[in-house]
N, C-alpha and C. Protein backbone atom coordinates (compact mmCIF):
# COMPACT_ATOMS: atom_id res chain seq x y z
N MET A 1 -42.93 26.33 4.23
CA MET A 1 -42.44 26.08 4.94
C MET A 1 -41.83 27.21 4.97
N SER A 2 -41.88 27.55 6.02
CA SER A 2 -41.55 29.40 6.83
C SER A 2 -39.94 29.48 6.42
N ASN A 3 -39.70 30.93 6.56
CA ASN A 3 -38.05 31.77 6.61
C ASN A 3 -37.75 30.94 7.88
N LYS A 4 -38.07 30.99 9.02
CA LYS A 4 -37.46 30.43 9.83
C LYS A 4 -37.13 28.98 9.67
N GLU A 5 -37.76 27.86 9.44
CA GLU A 5 -37.15 26.50 8.78
C GLU A 5 -36.44 26.52 7.74
N ILE A 6 -36.71 27.44 6.99
CA ILE A 6 -35.44 27.50 5.83
C ILE A 6 -33.90 28.16 6.39
N LEU A 7 -33.94 28.79 7.07
CA LEU A 7 -32.93 29.48 7.87
C LEU A 7 -32.14 28.26 8.57
N LEU A 8 -33.08 27.48 9.91
CA LEU A 8 -32.51 26.91 10.27
C LEU A 8 -31.82 25.55 9.47
N ARG A 9 -32.55 25.16 8.30
CA ARG A 9 -32.00 23.88 7.83
C ARG A 9 -30.96 24.37 7.07
N GLU A 10 -30.75 26.00 6.41
CA GLU A 10 -29.09 26.35 5.79
C GLU A 10 -27.89 26.46 6.72
N GLY A 11 -28.80 26.99 8.22
CA GLY A 11 -27.58 26.81 8.89
C GLY A 11 -26.81 25.41 9.29
N LEU A 12 -28.47 24.38 9.66
CA LEU A 12 -27.86 22.72 9.77
C LEU A 12 -26.81 22.11 8.57
N ALA A 13 -27.19 22.74 7.55
CA ALA A 13 -26.50 22.41 6.09
C ALA A 13 -24.89 23.35 5.93
N ARG A 14 -24.81 24.25 6.74
CA ARG A 14 -23.55 24.88 7.02
C ARG A 14 -22.82 24.12 8.00
N ALA A 15 -23.25 23.58 8.71
CA ALA A 15 -22.70 23.11 10.34
C ALA A 15 -21.84 22.11 9.65
N ARG A 16 -23.10 20.90 8.69
CA ARG A 16 -22.49 19.69 8.38
C ARG A 16 -21.25 20.04 7.28
N LEU A 17 -21.14 20.77 6.81
CA LEU A 17 -19.82 20.95 5.60
C LEU A 17 -18.57 21.37 6.70
N THR A 18 -19.19 22.42 7.30
CA THR A 18 -18.16 22.74 8.35
C THR A 18 -17.50 21.65 8.87
N LEU A 19 -18.22 20.96 9.79
CA LEU A 19 -17.69 19.29 10.36
C LEU A 19 -17.39 18.81 8.97
N ALA A 20 -17.61 18.45 8.19
CA ALA A 20 -16.87 17.51 6.99
C ALA A 20 -15.67 18.09 6.67
N MET A 21 -15.44 19.77 6.29
CA MET A 21 -13.93 20.05 6.10
C MET A 21 -13.36 19.85 7.06
N LEU A 22 -13.91 19.55 8.52
CA LEU A 22 -12.91 19.80 9.59
C LEU A 22 -12.62 18.26 9.65
N ARG A 23 -13.02 17.36 9.01
CA ARG A 23 -12.76 16.01 9.40
C ARG A 23 -11.67 15.59 8.31
N LEU A 24 -11.73 16.31 7.10
CA LEU A 24 -11.02 15.96 5.75
C LEU A 24 -9.93 16.56 6.12
N GLY A 25 -9.81 17.64 6.98
CA GLY A 25 -8.74 18.36 6.87
C GLY A 25 -7.15 17.59 7.93
N ILE A 26 -8.09 17.24 8.96
CA ILE A 26 -7.72 16.47 10.25
C ILE A 26 -6.67 15.05 9.26
N GLU A 27 -8.09 14.65 8.35
CA GLU A 27 -7.36 13.68 7.19
C GLU A 27 -6.12 14.07 6.48
N LEU A 28 -6.10 14.87 6.59
CA LEU A 28 -5.50 15.51 5.06
C LEU A 28 -3.89 15.53 6.07
N ALA A 29 -3.75 16.33 7.03
CA ALA A 29 -2.65 16.57 8.19
C ALA A 29 -1.73 15.19 8.13
N LYS A 30 -2.40 14.04 8.39
CA LYS A 30 -2.00 12.74 8.47
C LYS A 30 -1.04 12.05 7.22
N TYR A 31 -1.64 12.39 6.19
CA TYR A 31 -1.47 12.05 4.79
C TYR A 31 0.43 12.14 4.76
N ASP A 32 1.28 11.49 4.07
CA ASP A 32 2.18 11.91 3.96
C ASP A 32 2.50 10.77 2.66
N GLN A 33 2.59 11.40 1.85
CA GLN A 33 3.21 10.90 0.17
C GLN A 33 4.39 9.90 0.27
N ASN A 34 5.52 10.40 1.33
CA ASN A 34 6.49 9.27 1.58
C ASN A 34 6.84 8.14 2.59
N GLN A 35 5.24 8.16 3.10
CA GLN A 35 5.30 7.30 3.93
C GLN A 35 5.29 5.45 3.33
N PRO A 36 6.23 4.76 3.21
CA PRO A 36 6.11 3.61 2.86
C PRO A 36 5.07 3.33 2.51
N ARG A 37 4.89 2.35 1.47
CA ARG A 37 3.55 1.19 0.97
C ARG A 37 4.00 -0.20 1.01
N VAL A 38 3.25 -1.30 1.34
CA VAL A 38 3.85 -2.41 0.78
C VAL A 38 3.42 -3.02 -0.74
N PRO A 39 4.01 -3.11 -1.42
CA PRO A 39 3.98 -3.77 -2.74
C PRO A 39 2.93 -3.94 -3.35
N ARG A 40 2.59 -3.72 -4.45
CA ARG A 40 1.50 -4.69 -4.66
C ARG A 40 1.86 -6.04 -5.50
N GLY A 41 0.99 -7.07 -5.04
CA GLY A 41 1.57 -8.24 -5.40
C GLY A 41 1.05 -8.88 -4.04
N SER A 42 1.07 -8.58 -3.20
CA SER A 42 1.01 -9.08 -1.44
C SER A 42 -0.67 -8.59 -1.20
N PRO A 43 -0.92 -9.56 -0.34
CA PRO A 43 -2.21 -9.09 -0.05
C PRO A 43 -2.81 -7.91 0.44
N GLN A 44 -1.69 -6.88 1.05
CA GLN A 44 -1.84 -5.86 1.72
C GLN A 44 -1.29 -4.92 0.99
N GLY A 45 -1.04 -4.78 -0.17
CA GLY A 45 -0.36 -4.38 -1.57
C GLY A 45 -1.37 -3.11 -1.43
N GLY A 46 -0.50 -2.17 -1.46
CA GLY A 46 -0.95 -0.11 -1.19
C GLY A 46 -1.10 0.57 -0.29
N GLN A 47 -1.40 -0.58 0.83
CA GLN A 47 -1.33 -0.34 1.98
C GLN A 47 -0.40 0.48 3.00
N TRP A 48 -0.58 1.48 3.88
CA TRP A 48 0.71 2.11 4.08
C TRP A 48 1.40 1.25 5.33
N THR A 49 2.31 1.10 5.46
CA THR A 49 3.35 0.04 6.20
C THR A 49 4.52 1.53 7.17
N ASP A 50 4.51 0.68 8.56
CA ASP A 50 5.67 1.94 9.12
C ASP A 50 7.38 2.07 8.85
N ASP A 51 7.10 1.42 8.41
CA ASP A 51 9.05 1.65 7.94
C ASP A 51 9.40 0.63 6.59
N GLY A 52 8.13 0.05 5.81
CA GLY A 52 8.53 0.19 4.58
C GLY A 52 8.85 -1.65 4.44
N ARG A 53 9.21 -1.91 5.51
CA ARG A 53 9.46 -3.60 5.25
C ARG A 53 8.21 -4.33 4.82
N ILE A 54 8.49 -5.48 4.32
CA ILE A 54 7.49 -6.38 3.90
C ILE A 54 7.14 -7.58 4.69
N SER A 55 6.22 -7.54 5.03
CA SER A 55 5.67 -8.61 6.23
C SER A 55 5.69 -9.98 5.24
N VAL A 56 5.70 -11.13 6.11
CA VAL A 56 5.59 -12.50 4.71
C VAL A 56 4.67 -13.14 6.57
N ALA A 57 3.55 -13.68 5.51
CA ALA A 57 2.38 -15.03 6.52
C ALA A 57 3.60 -15.76 6.49
N GLY A 58 3.23 -16.45 7.81
CA GLY A 58 3.90 -18.13 7.62
C GLY A 58 5.45 -17.86 8.66
N LYS A 59 5.72 -19.13 8.73
CA LYS A 59 7.45 -19.24 8.60
C LYS A 59 8.00 -18.19 7.82
N TYR A 60 9.10 -17.68 8.47
CA TYR A 60 10.74 -16.68 7.59
C TYR A 60 11.50 -16.81 8.46
N ASN A 61 12.61 -16.33 8.33
CA ASN A 61 13.65 -15.97 8.62
C ASN A 61 13.90 -14.98 8.23
N GLU A 62 14.46 -14.26 9.27
CA GLU A 62 14.19 -12.68 9.51
C GLU A 62 15.82 -12.22 8.90
N ALA A 63 16.89 -13.42 9.34
CA ALA A 63 18.47 -12.89 9.19
C ALA A 63 18.38 -13.25 6.85
N ASN A 64 17.18 -13.33 6.61
CA ASN A 64 17.64 -13.48 5.29
C ASN A 64 16.70 -11.98 4.76
N ARG A 65 16.40 -11.00 5.82
CA ARG A 65 15.04 -10.61 5.09
C ARG A 65 16.33 -9.15 4.12
N ALA A 66 17.22 -8.88 4.23
CA ALA A 66 18.30 -7.75 3.96
C ALA A 66 18.28 -8.55 2.21
N GLY A 67 19.44 -9.85 2.28
CA GLY A 67 18.99 -10.84 1.21
C GLY A 67 17.77 -10.82 0.20
N CYS A 68 16.74 -10.79 0.70
CA CYS A 68 15.12 -11.20 0.33
C CYS A 68 14.86 -9.62 -0.70
N GLU A 69 15.02 -8.52 0.15
CA GLU A 69 14.67 -7.32 -0.04
C GLU A 69 15.74 -7.34 -1.28
N ALA A 70 16.76 -7.22 -1.47
CA ALA A 70 17.07 -6.98 -2.33
C ALA A 70 17.63 -7.53 -3.77
N GLN A 71 17.02 -8.78 -3.65
CA GLN A 71 16.53 -9.59 -4.63
C GLN A 71 15.25 -9.18 -5.71
N TYR A 72 14.19 -9.41 -4.61
CA TYR A 72 12.96 -8.08 -4.93
C TYR A 72 13.20 -6.80 -5.56
N GLU A 73 14.19 -5.99 -5.14
CA GLU A 73 14.43 -4.62 -5.63
C GLU A 73 15.08 -4.75 -7.44
N THR A 74 15.70 -5.95 -7.15
CA THR A 74 16.94 -6.47 -8.67
C THR A 74 15.75 -6.99 -9.66
N ASP A 75 14.61 -7.78 -8.75
CA ASP A 75 13.55 -8.34 -9.69
C ASP A 75 12.63 -7.44 -10.56
N MET A 76 12.30 -6.48 -9.55
CA MET A 76 11.19 -5.26 -9.62
C MET A 76 12.35 -4.31 -10.79
N LEU A 77 13.54 -4.34 -11.06
CA LEU A 77 14.05 -2.99 -12.01
C LEU A 77 13.96 -4.16 -13.33
N GLN A 78 14.15 -5.76 -13.28
CA GLN A 78 14.14 -6.12 -14.35
C GLN A 78 12.46 -5.84 -14.83
N CYS A 79 11.33 -6.45 -13.81
CA CYS A 79 9.92 -5.94 -14.57
C CYS A 79 9.85 -4.92 -15.17
N ARG A 80 10.70 -3.46 -14.75
CA ARG A 80 9.93 -2.56 -15.62
C ARG A 80 10.68 -2.60 -16.88
N PHE A 81 11.39 -3.30 -17.07
CA PHE A 81 11.68 -3.78 -18.86
C PHE A 81 10.93 -4.70 -19.89
N VAL A 82 9.89 -5.42 -18.61
CA VAL A 82 9.26 -6.37 -19.57
C VAL A 82 7.87 -6.02 -19.99
N THR A 83 7.17 -6.65 -21.13
CA THR A 83 6.09 -5.80 -21.49
C THR A 83 4.72 -6.09 -20.70
N TYR A 84 4.81 -7.27 -19.96
CA TYR A 84 4.07 -8.12 -18.92
C TYR A 84 4.54 -7.55 -17.49
N TRP A 85 4.13 -6.83 -17.29
CA TRP A 85 5.66 -6.45 -16.28
C TRP A 85 4.44 -6.18 -14.91
N ARG A 86 3.20 -6.35 -15.10
CA ARG A 86 2.29 -6.83 -13.83
C ARG A 86 2.03 -8.23 -13.20
N SER A 87 2.13 -9.13 -14.56
CA SER A 87 2.70 -10.68 -14.04
C SER A 87 4.13 -10.92 -13.47
N CYS A 88 4.94 -9.83 -14.10
CA CYS A 88 5.99 -9.91 -14.03
C CYS A 88 6.67 -10.05 -12.01
N GLU A 89 5.25 -8.57 -12.15
CA GLU A 89 5.60 -8.02 -10.65
C GLU A 89 5.06 -9.07 -9.70
N SER A 90 4.02 -9.64 -9.57
CA SER A 90 3.55 -10.57 -9.07
C SER A 90 4.54 -11.77 -9.19
N GLN A 91 5.36 -12.38 -10.19
CA GLN A 91 6.07 -13.18 -9.78
C GLN A 91 7.37 -12.79 -9.00
N ALA A 92 7.56 -11.16 -8.62
CA ALA A 92 8.76 -10.81 -8.06
C ALA A 92 8.42 -10.99 -6.53
N MET A 93 6.98 -11.08 -6.22
CA MET A 93 6.01 -11.04 -4.72
C MET A 93 6.28 -12.25 -4.53
N VAL A 94 6.24 -13.18 -5.19
CA VAL A 94 6.01 -15.05 -5.33
C VAL A 94 7.75 -15.84 -4.67
N ARG A 95 8.25 -14.75 -5.67
CA ARG A 95 9.67 -14.91 -5.22
C ARG A 95 10.44 -14.06 -3.87
N LEU A 96 9.54 -13.17 -3.79
CA LEU A 96 10.39 -12.81 -2.17
C LEU A 96 9.94 -13.40 -1.11
N VAL A 97 8.76 -14.14 -1.27
CA VAL A 97 8.17 -14.65 -0.15
C VAL A 97 8.89 -15.87 0.20
N ALA A 98 9.02 -16.87 -0.80
CA ALA A 98 10.13 -18.19 -1.27
C ALA A 98 11.11 -17.51 -0.39
N CYS A 99 11.63 -16.75 -0.73
CA CYS A 99 13.25 -16.08 -0.24
C CYS A 99 13.07 -16.39 1.20
N MET A 100 11.88 -15.53 1.66
CA MET A 100 11.60 -15.35 3.38
C MET A 100 11.55 -16.56 3.85
N LYS A 101 10.83 -17.28 3.16
CA LYS A 101 10.53 -18.50 3.77
C LYS A 101 11.86 -19.87 3.73
N GLY A 102 12.55 -19.37 2.97
CA GLY A 102 14.07 -20.07 2.60
C GLY A 102 13.28 -21.66 1.86
N ASP A 103 12.57 -21.16 1.09
CA ASP A 103 12.28 -22.11 0.06
C ASP A 103 12.79 -22.24 -1.28
N LEU A 104 12.49 -23.09 -2.15
CA LEU A 104 13.41 -22.59 -3.34
C LEU A 104 12.57 -21.59 -4.19
N ILE A 105 13.08 -20.81 -4.56
CA ILE A 105 12.50 -19.81 -5.23
C ILE A 105 12.76 -19.94 -7.28
N PRO A 106 11.33 -19.57 -7.14
CA PRO A 106 10.80 -20.18 -8.52
C PRO A 106 11.31 -19.26 -9.78
N PRO A 107 11.75 -19.50 -10.53
CA PRO A 107 12.15 -19.13 -12.04
C PRO A 107 11.03 -17.91 -12.58
N PHE A 108 11.80 -16.47 -13.07
CA PHE A 108 10.62 -15.79 -13.62
C PHE A 108 9.98 -16.67 -14.83
N ASN A 109 8.80 -16.39 -15.35
CA ASN A 109 7.81 -16.84 -16.78
C ASN A 109 7.90 -15.61 -17.10
N TYR A 110 8.47 -15.19 -18.20
CA TYR A 110 7.93 -14.24 -18.98
C TYR A 110 7.95 -14.71 -20.14
C-alpha cells in the first residue's frame, strides 16, 4: 500500500469519526434527564413521554386520571418498603390500568 493510499484511508477514518462525533453531539443536545418517562411495568416502560402522563390502551375514563395517578403514586410509595418491590411495582401498574378503565382494582399480593 502506498503512502498516498494510507493518507487517504486515514483522512477517511478521521472524517467518519468527526461525523460520528457530530451525530453524538446532536443526540446529546436533545437529551433532558428531567423529561418524564413512562413508569416500569407498562409496555412502554422507560420510554420518554411528552407530559409525564401515563397512557392506557383500550377504554378508559379521562375523568379518573387524577385519582388513579394519585393512587399509583401511593402504591409506588408502598412498594419502596416491600422486599419484592419489582413484583409490587408490576401490581401497582395493573391497579393503575384497572382504575383508569373503571374496572375493579385488584388488591396487592405481597
